[in-house]
Structure formats: structure tokens, C-alpha cells
Amino acid sequence: QVQLVESGGGLVQAGGSLRLSCGGSGRTFRSYTVGWFRQAPGKDREFVAAVTWRAVSIYTEDSVKGRFTISRDNAKNTVYLQMNSLKTEDTAEYYCAATRPWETANIRDRNQYIYWGQGTQVTVSS
């Protein structure tokens, strides 16, 4: 069982940066692949990025590639999403999620994730 808590959201102007954090509970946090998803009003929740349990594979969708970076610090049980050059279309509720232990398959698919945080709001103003 993993509990996830997001933090770091807020209001920022276009072109600015934010760093989101996803803190996980338990000594086994390092065994979970963790992903970030976002959901804008009226839209489906979409995949943003994921880092596997060994950080050997990192995926980002094209819309954020080159601007967002995902990383993890297993000593702190934390996964980060560094977001640079933010655009108004990045405005959304951002969620972190974790798969079952040792999972690496289909990690862009939200159905692979069984633990979810409550979300943190990111608002980018023009």
C-alpha cells in the first residue's frame, strides 16, 4: 500500500517554472513506477511523464518534451516534475500515481496505476 501526496502547484505566469513533488509513504516506495498525469476542466486525464522503479526509463509526451523533467529521489521517497517554459495550456490539476511493484509495462496507460494522490492545481496565466 502506498499513499501519495502532491505539492508544489500554484499560479505562475507563462514562461515561468514550477516544481511539483510527489511524496510517497513506506519503505517500498522505491519499487514503484510513478507517473504524473494532468486533467484540465472538461478534458480527460492525460499522461504527462513516468519514471520506473529504477529510473532506467523516463517517458514524456510530446507536448511537454524538452520542457518537463521527471526524476526521483528514493532516499526521500519523492518523485519530482520540473516544469519549465510553462504555457497556458499546461493549466490543469496534476496528479501523481504509482503502479503495482516492479511494473514497467504500458506505463503511459492510466489503468496501470493503482495508487493516486489527491492532485495539485497548476494555473498558468498569460
Protein backbone atom coordinates (compact mmCIF):
# COMPACT_ATOMS: atom_id res chain seq x y z
CA GLN A 1 0.00 0.00 0.00
CA VAL A 2 1.32 3.44 -0.96
CA GLN A 3 -0.03 6.84 -0.05
CA LEU A 4 0.89 9.70 -2.34
CA VAL A 5 0.80 13.43 -1.62
CA GLU A 6 1.43 16.07 -4.27
CA SER A 7 2.71 19.56 -3.58
CA GLY A 8 4.23 22.49 -5.42
CA GLY A 9 1.35 23.65 -7.56
CA GLY A 10 0.30 27.27 -7.83
CA LEU A 11 -0.20 30.25 -10.07
CA VAL A 12 2.60 31.21 -12.44
CA GLN A 13 2.94 33.40 -15.49
CA ALA A 14 3.54 31.91 -18.92
CA GLY A 15 7.22 31.19 -19.39
CA GLY A 16 7.73 30.55 -15.70
CA SER A 17 8.63 27.38 -13.83
CA LEU A 18 7.26 25.17 -11.10
CA ARG A 19 8.49 22.00 -9.46
CA LEU A 20 5.90 19.51 -8.35
CA SER A 21 6.70 16.93 -5.71
CA CYS A 22 5.06 13.59 -5.07
CA GLY A 23 5.84 12.19 -1.65
CA GLY A 24 5.23 8.52 -1.04
CA SER A 25 4.85 6.52 2.13
CA GLY A 26 6.54 3.27 3.06
CA ARG A 27 9.93 1.64 2.75
CA THR A 28 8.96 0.01 -0.55
CA PHE A 29 8.33 3.25 -2.44
CA ARG A 30 11.44 2.63 -4.49
CA SER A 31 9.82 -0.45 -6.05
CA TYR A 32 7.02 1.51 -7.71
CA THR A 33 6.91 3.14 -11.10
CA VAL A 34 5.48 6.62 -10.57
CA GLY A 35 3.75 8.73 -13.14
CA TRP A 36 2.36 12.23 -13.44
CA PHE A 37 -0.99 12.86 -15.08
CA ARG A 38 -2.98 16.03 -15.56
CA GLN A 39 -6.59 16.91 -16.11
CA ALA A 40 -7.88 20.19 -17.43
CA PRO A 41 -11.53 21.21 -16.97
CA GLY A 42 -13.75 19.32 -19.37
CA LYS A 43 -10.96 17.09 -20.58
CA ASP A 44 -9.80 13.56 -19.89
CA ARG A 45 -6.93 12.86 -17.54
CA GLU A 46 -3.79 12.57 -19.67
CA PHE A 47 -0.37 11.10 -19.17
CA VAL A 48 2.50 13.54 -18.72
CA ALA A 49 5.57 11.56 -17.65
CA ALA A 50 6.70 8.50 -15.71
CA VAL A 51 9.82 7.19 -14.07
CA THR A 52 10.28 3.49 -13.50
CA TRP A 53 11.29 1.94 -10.22
CA ARG A 54 14.99 2.10 -11.14
CA ALA A 55 14.71 5.37 -13.06
CA VAL A 56 16.05 3.48 -16.07
CA SER A 57 13.27 4.70 -18.35
CA ILE A 58 11.63 8.09 -18.39
CA TYR A 59 8.76 8.94 -20.69
CA THR A 60 7.27 12.28 -21.59
CA GLU A 61 4.54 13.11 -24.01
CA ASP A 62 5.46 15.26 -26.99
CA SER A 63 3.56 18.26 -25.69
CA VAL A 64 5.89 18.56 -22.71
CA LYS A 65 9.08 17.05 -24.04
CA GLY A 66 12.01 19.39 -23.58
CA ARG A 67 10.12 21.48 -21.03
CA PHE A 68 9.25 18.98 -18.29
CA THR A 69 11.65 16.65 -16.49
CA ILE A 70 10.72 13.82 -14.18
CA SER A 71 13.11 12.49 -11.57
CA ARG A 72 13.06 10.55 -8.35
CA ASP A 73 14.95 10.55 -5.07
CA ASN A 74 14.34 7.19 -3.44
CA ALA A 75 16.16 8.25 -0.29
CA LYS A 76 13.44 10.87 0.18
CA ASN A 77 10.58 8.77 -1.20
CA THR A 78 9.86 11.58 -3.62
CA VAL A 79 9.28 11.97 -7.34
CA TYR A 80 9.62 15.40 -8.90
CA LEU A 81 8.23 17.02 -12.00
CA GLN A 82 10.22 20.07 -13.01
CA MET A 83 8.16 22.21 -15.36
CA ASN A 84 9.85 24.97 -17.31
CA SER A 85 8.65 27.34 -20.03
CA LEU A 86 5.09 26.86 -18.87
CA LYS A 87 2.25 27.61 -21.25
CA THR A 88 -1.36 28.48 -20.58
CA GLU A 89 -2.35 25.10 -21.97
CA ASP A 90 -0.42 23.44 -19.13
CA THR A 91 -3.11 24.66 -16.76
CA ALA A 92 -4.62 21.61 -15.08
CA GLU A 93 -4.90 19.57 -11.93
CA TYR A 94 -1.77 17.45 -11.71
CA TYR A 95 -1.84 14.00 -10.14
CA CYS A 96 0.89 11.57 -9.29
CA ALA A 97 0.20 7.88 -9.32
CA ALA A 98 2.00 4.62 -8.66
CA THR A 99 1.77 1.22 -10.27
CA ARG A 100 1.96 -2.15 -8.59
CA PRO A 101 5.53 -3.02 -7.54
CA TRP A 102 8.14 -3.60 -10.25
CA GLU A 103 5.75 -2.66 -13.08
CA THR A 104 7.29 -1.32 -16.29
CA ALA A 105 4.75 -2.25 -18.97
CA ASN A 106 2.29 0.19 -20.55
CA ILE A 107 3.14 2.92 -18.11
CA ARG A 108 1.52 5.62 -20.23
CA ASP A 109 -1.82 3.90 -19.56
CA ARG A 110 -3.61 5.32 -16.52
CA ASN A 111 -5.15 1.91 -15.92
CA GLN A 112 -1.72 0.62 -14.88
CA TYR A 113 -1.75 2.90 -11.86
CA ILE A 114 -3.43 1.70 -8.72
CA TYR A 115 -2.46 4.42 -6.22
CA TRP A 116 -3.32 8.06 -6.77
CA GLY A 117 -2.70 11.29 -4.96
CA GLN A 118 -5.30 14.00 -4.43
CA GLY A 119 -3.83 16.35 -7.00
CA THR A 120 -2.29 19.80 -7.05
CA GLN A 121 -3.54 22.68 -9.17
CA VAL A 122 -1.26 24.37 -11.68
CA THR A 123 -2.53 27.58 -13.24
CA VAL A 124 -0.53 29.37 -15.92
CA SER A 125 -1.62 32.90 -16.72
CA SER A 126 -0.93 34.75 -19.95
